[in-house]
């Protein structure tokens, strides 16, 4: 699946470079010029990774990072800090506050992309696998097959992609907006209620094997796959 990245930077030239090189590398990219816009984006959509500048016009980047690490929805969201403030104490402060990496400005495009790829491989290792297994459910990505406790489970294309998304990020709560963006992959509008419909269908598919309970509803937020 195409990974989504939010780039938060108040410099127009830097945002343009980030958007160009990340899109060229095959990522879905959203841009935020300040902390307020970044918070607005993440209030309804949690990206796979954030590239965060420390110096923003409204909210210091370190405050955003701290806030995200204390929010259950975003505490596991990978964050790469980029900054022209690259003294040792700046780097140490960011890493201790929860940053996954620190890249000094001006940055090398190739180095930044390599760091992005390394973090995504570490955080989402099972997404590149041909077989995904969790809690008795097995997805065969090559043959598009699902089994639960060894029993075949019939799924439609959307149900399969939805189950794959949930299983590769167990215990992570995904909002309806994020599920729509990652599963439907359309430019036209998809009603959020369509997610609820697909979740119900997927649970019915898993019910004969007794695995429907693994897809949990998180009231007021969205859905997650149980890691228990």
Protein backbone atom coordinates (compact mmCIF):
# COMPACT_ATOMS: atom_id res chain seq x y z
CA UNK A 1 0.00 0.00 0.00
CA UNK A 2 1.14 3.54 -0.74
CA UNK A 3 2.40 5.21 2.41
CA UNK A 4 1.17 8.66 3.47
CA UNK A 5 3.51 11.37 4.76
CA UNK A 6 2.68 14.72 6.34
CA UNK A 7 5.42 17.34 5.89
CA UNK A 8 5.22 20.27 8.33
CA UNK A 9 7.52 23.13 7.38
CA UNK A 10 7.08 26.91 7.35
CA UNK A 11 9.58 27.48 4.51
CA UNK A 12 7.95 27.45 1.07
CA UNK A 13 11.11 26.28 -0.70
CA UNK A 14 11.61 23.44 1.77
CA UNK A 15 7.96 22.34 1.46
CA UNK A 16 8.27 22.32 -2.32
CA UNK A 17 11.38 20.15 -2.19
CA UNK A 18 9.77 17.73 0.27
CA UNK A 19 6.60 17.45 -1.76
CA UNK A 20 8.50 16.89 -5.01
CA UNK A 21 10.96 14.26 -3.79
CA UNK A 22 8.46 12.35 -1.64
CA UNK A 23 5.83 12.19 -4.40
CA UNK A 24 8.49 11.13 -6.88
CA UNK A 25 9.44 8.32 -4.49
CA UNK A 26 5.84 7.09 -4.56
CA UNK A 27 4.44 8.48 -1.31
CA UNK A 28 1.11 10.20 -0.76
CA UNK A 29 2.08 13.65 0.56
CA UNK A 30 0.23 16.29 2.54
CA UNK A 31 1.76 19.65 3.38
CA UNK A 32 1.24 21.88 6.42
CA UNK A 33 2.91 25.33 6.72
CA UNK A 34 2.41 25.60 10.48
CA UNK A 35 1.47 23.75 13.64
CA UNK A 36 -2.19 24.70 13.52
CA UNK A 37 -2.64 23.16 10.08
CA UNK A 38 -0.72 20.05 11.14
CA UNK A 39 -3.00 19.57 14.14
CA UNK A 40 -6.04 20.05 11.93
CA UNK A 41 -4.87 17.38 9.47
CA UNK A 42 -4.07 14.87 12.20
CA UNK A 43 -7.37 15.48 13.99
CA UNK A 44 -9.07 13.40 11.29
CA UNK A 45 -6.22 11.55 9.62
CA UNK A 46 -3.08 9.92 11.07
CA UNK A 47 -0.33 9.66 8.43
CA UNK A 48 2.16 6.82 8.27
CA UNK A 49 5.00 9.26 8.98
CA UNK A 50 5.49 12.95 9.76
CA UNK A 51 8.42 15.13 8.75
CA UNK A 52 8.42 17.97 11.26
CA UNK A 53 10.38 21.22 11.30
CA UNK A 54 11.27 22.48 14.76
CA UNK A 55 10.81 26.15 13.87
CA UNK A 56 7.19 26.96 13.05
CA UNK A 57 5.42 30.35 13.08
CA UNK A 58 2.81 29.44 15.69
CA UNK A 59 3.56 26.29 17.73
CA UNK A 60 7.13 25.06 18.36
CA UNK A 61 7.71 21.72 16.68
CA UNK A 62 8.87 20.18 19.94
CA UNK A 63 5.47 20.98 21.49
CA UNK A 64 3.67 19.23 18.63
CA UNK A 65 5.92 16.21 19.04
CA UNK A 66 5.27 16.05 22.79
CA UNK A 67 1.52 16.39 22.26
CA UNK A 68 1.44 13.60 19.68
CA UNK A 69 3.40 11.26 21.92
CA UNK A 70 0.83 11.70 24.69
CA UNK A 71 -2.17 11.07 22.40
CA UNK A 72 -3.17 7.37 22.07
CA UNK A 73 -4.02 7.93 18.38
CA UNK A 74 -0.58 9.27 17.49
CA UNK A 75 1.84 7.95 20.10
CA UNK A 76 3.15 5.33 17.67
CA UNK A 77 3.23 7.66 14.64
CA UNK A 78 6.79 7.91 13.28
CA UNK A 79 8.24 11.44 13.28
CA UNK A 80 11.42 12.66 11.61
CA UNK A 81 12.50 16.10 12.83
CA UNK A 82 14.23 18.41 10.35
CA UNK A 83 15.80 21.64 11.52
CA UNK A 84 18.56 24.18 10.94
CA UNK A 85 18.93 24.11 14.74
CA UNK A 86 21.26 21.14 14.86
CA UNK A 87 23.33 21.57 17.98
CA UNK A 88 23.77 18.42 20.04
CA UNK A 89 21.31 19.57 22.71
CA UNK A 90 18.65 20.18 20.01
CA UNK A 91 19.07 16.67 18.62
CA UNK A 92 19.10 15.06 22.04
CA UNK A 93 16.01 17.01 23.15
CA UNK A 94 14.06 15.88 20.07
CA UNK A 95 15.06 12.24 20.41
CA UNK A 96 14.20 12.22 24.10
CA UNK A 97 10.82 13.79 23.30
CA UNK A 98 9.99 10.90 21.00
CA UNK A 99 11.40 11.74 17.56
CA UNK A 100 12.40 8.68 15.54
CA UNK A 101 15.18 10.53 13.73
CA UNK A 102 16.76 13.96 13.29
CA UNK A 103 17.94 15.43 9.97
CA UNK A 104 19.80 18.73 9.77
CA UNK A 105 18.86 21.43 7.26
CA UNK A 106 19.81 21.83 4.50
CA UNK A 107 19.24 18.14 3.94
CA UNK A 108 20.24 15.74 1.19
CA UNK A 109 17.18 14.41 -0.65
CA UNK A 110 18.71 10.96 -0.96
CA UNK A 111 19.62 10.80 2.72
CA UNK A 112 16.17 11.96 3.81
CA UNK A 113 14.46 9.39 1.59
CA UNK A 114 16.75 6.66 2.90
CA UNK A 115 15.85 7.58 6.48
CA UNK A 116 12.14 7.64 5.62
CA UNK A 117 12.38 4.20 4.02
CA UNK A 118 14.33 2.77 6.96
CA UNK A 119 11.78 3.98 9.52
CA UNK A 120 8.80 2.76 7.51
CA UNK A 121 10.40 -0.68 7.13
CA UNK A 122 10.94 -0.84 10.88
CA UNK A 123 7.49 0.40 11.88
CA UNK A 124 5.48 -1.54 9.28
CA UNK A 125 7.58 -4.67 8.62
CA UNK A 126 4.70 -7.01 7.81
CA UNK A 127 3.26 -4.86 5.03
CA UNK A 128 5.99 -5.93 2.65
CA UNK A 129 5.46 -9.62 3.41
CA UNK A 130 3.48 -11.90 1.12
CA UNK A 131 1.93 -13.66 4.12
CA UNK A 132 0.46 -11.71 7.04
CA UNK A 133 -0.61 -13.68 10.13
CA UNK A 134 -2.03 -12.42 13.39
CA UNK A 135 -4.20 -13.98 16.11
CA UNK A 136 -5.17 -16.98 13.98
CA UNK A 137 -5.99 -15.05 10.80
CA UNK A 138 -3.76 -15.53 7.76
CA UNK A 139 -3.66 -13.32 4.65
CA UNK A 140 -2.00 -14.60 1.50
CA UNK A 141 -1.29 -11.42 -0.46
CA UNK A 142 -0.03 -13.16 -3.57
CA UNK A 143 -3.14 -15.32 -4.01
CA UNK A 144 -5.58 -12.94 -2.27
CA UNK A 145 -6.77 -15.56 0.20
CA UNK A 146 -7.85 -15.37 3.83
CA UNK A 147 -8.07 -18.16 6.37
CA UNK A 148 -9.19 -18.00 10.01
CA UNK A 149 -8.10 -20.90 12.21
CA UNK A 150 -7.41 -22.78 8.98
CA UNK A 151 -10.90 -22.19 7.59
CA UNK A 152 -11.23 -20.33 4.26
CA UNK A 153 -12.83 -16.89 4.53
CA UNK A 154 -14.38 -15.33 1.44
CA UNK A 155 -13.82 -11.58 1.12
CA UNK A 156 -14.44 -8.95 -1.50
CA UNK A 157 -11.61 -6.63 -2.68
CA UNK A 158 -12.45 -3.82 -0.24
CA UNK A 159 -12.90 -6.23 2.66
CA UNK A 160 -9.52 -7.80 1.88
CA UNK A 161 -7.74 -4.43 1.76
CA UNK A 162 -9.51 -3.34 4.94
CA UNK A 163 -8.47 -6.49 6.80
CA UNK A 164 -4.90 -6.11 5.55
CA UNK A 165 -4.75 -2.52 6.75
CA UNK A 166 -6.06 -3.43 10.20
CA UNK A 167 -3.86 -6.50 10.62
CA UNK A 168 -0.62 -4.81 9.63
CA UNK A 169 -1.13 -2.16 12.30
CA UNK A 170 -2.54 -4.14 15.27
CA UNK A 171 -3.81 -2.09 18.21
CA UNK A 172 -3.51 1.13 16.22
CA UNK A 173 -6.83 2.98 16.09
CA UNK A 174 -7.66 4.05 12.55
CA UNK A 175 -10.22 6.78 11.90
CA UNK A 176 -12.87 6.40 9.22
CA UNK A 177 -11.20 9.14 7.17
CA UNK A 178 -7.87 7.31 7.30
CA UNK A 179 -9.47 4.00 6.34
CA UNK A 180 -11.20 5.62 3.37
CA UNK A 181 -7.94 7.17 2.21
CA UNK A 182 -5.98 3.91 2.56
CA UNK A 183 -8.56 1.38 1.38
CA UNK A 184 -10.74 3.03 -1.28
CA UNK A 185 -8.04 5.01 -3.07
CA UNK A 186 -10.50 7.14 -4.98
CA UNK A 187 -10.64 10.82 -5.80
CA UNK A 188 -14.42 10.95 -5.49
CA UNK A 189 -16.20 11.30 -2.17
CA UNK A 190 -16.81 8.20 -0.04
CA UNK A 191 -19.35 8.51 2.77
CA UNK A 192 -17.77 7.63 6.17
CA UNK A 193 -20.73 5.33 6.79
CA UNK A 194 -19.37 3.11 4.02
CA UNK A 195 -16.58 2.16 6.42
CA UNK A 196 -19.12 0.96 9.00
CA UNK A 197 -20.86 -1.11 6.32
CA UNK A 198 -17.60 -2.80 5.29
CA UNK A 199 -16.63 -3.44 8.91
CA UNK A 200 -19.97 -5.18 9.53
CA UNK A 201 -19.50 -7.29 6.40
CA UNK A 202 -15.97 -8.22 7.40
CA UNK A 203 -17.10 -9.24 10.87
CA UNK A 204 -19.79 -11.45 9.35
CA UNK A 205 -17.13 -13.10 7.18
CA UNK A 206 -15.03 -13.88 10.27
CA UNK A 207 -17.94 -14.89 12.51
CA UNK A 208 -18.16 -18.60 11.50
CA UNK A 209 -14.57 -19.07 12.72
CA UNK A 210 -15.23 -17.04 15.87
CA UNK A 211 -12.85 -14.21 14.99
CA UNK A 212 -15.25 -11.31 14.51
CA UNK A 213 -14.33 -9.91 17.96
CA UNK A 214 -10.79 -9.14 16.78
CA UNK A 215 -12.07 -6.07 14.91
CA UNK A 216 -12.76 -3.61 17.70
CA UNK A 217 -14.83 -0.44 17.60
CA UNK A 218 -13.28 2.53 19.39
CA UNK A 219 -16.23 4.78 20.07
CA UNK A 220 -15.92 8.26 18.61
CA UNK A 221 -12.64 7.45 16.84
CA UNK A 222 -12.73 4.45 14.53
CA UNK A 223 -11.58 0.82 14.45
CA UNK A 224 -8.58 -1.31 15.31
CA UNK A 225 -7.45 -4.93 15.12
CA UNK A 226 -6.97 -6.49 18.53
CA UNK A 227 -3.41 -7.47 19.41
CA UNK A 228 -4.52 -9.71 22.28
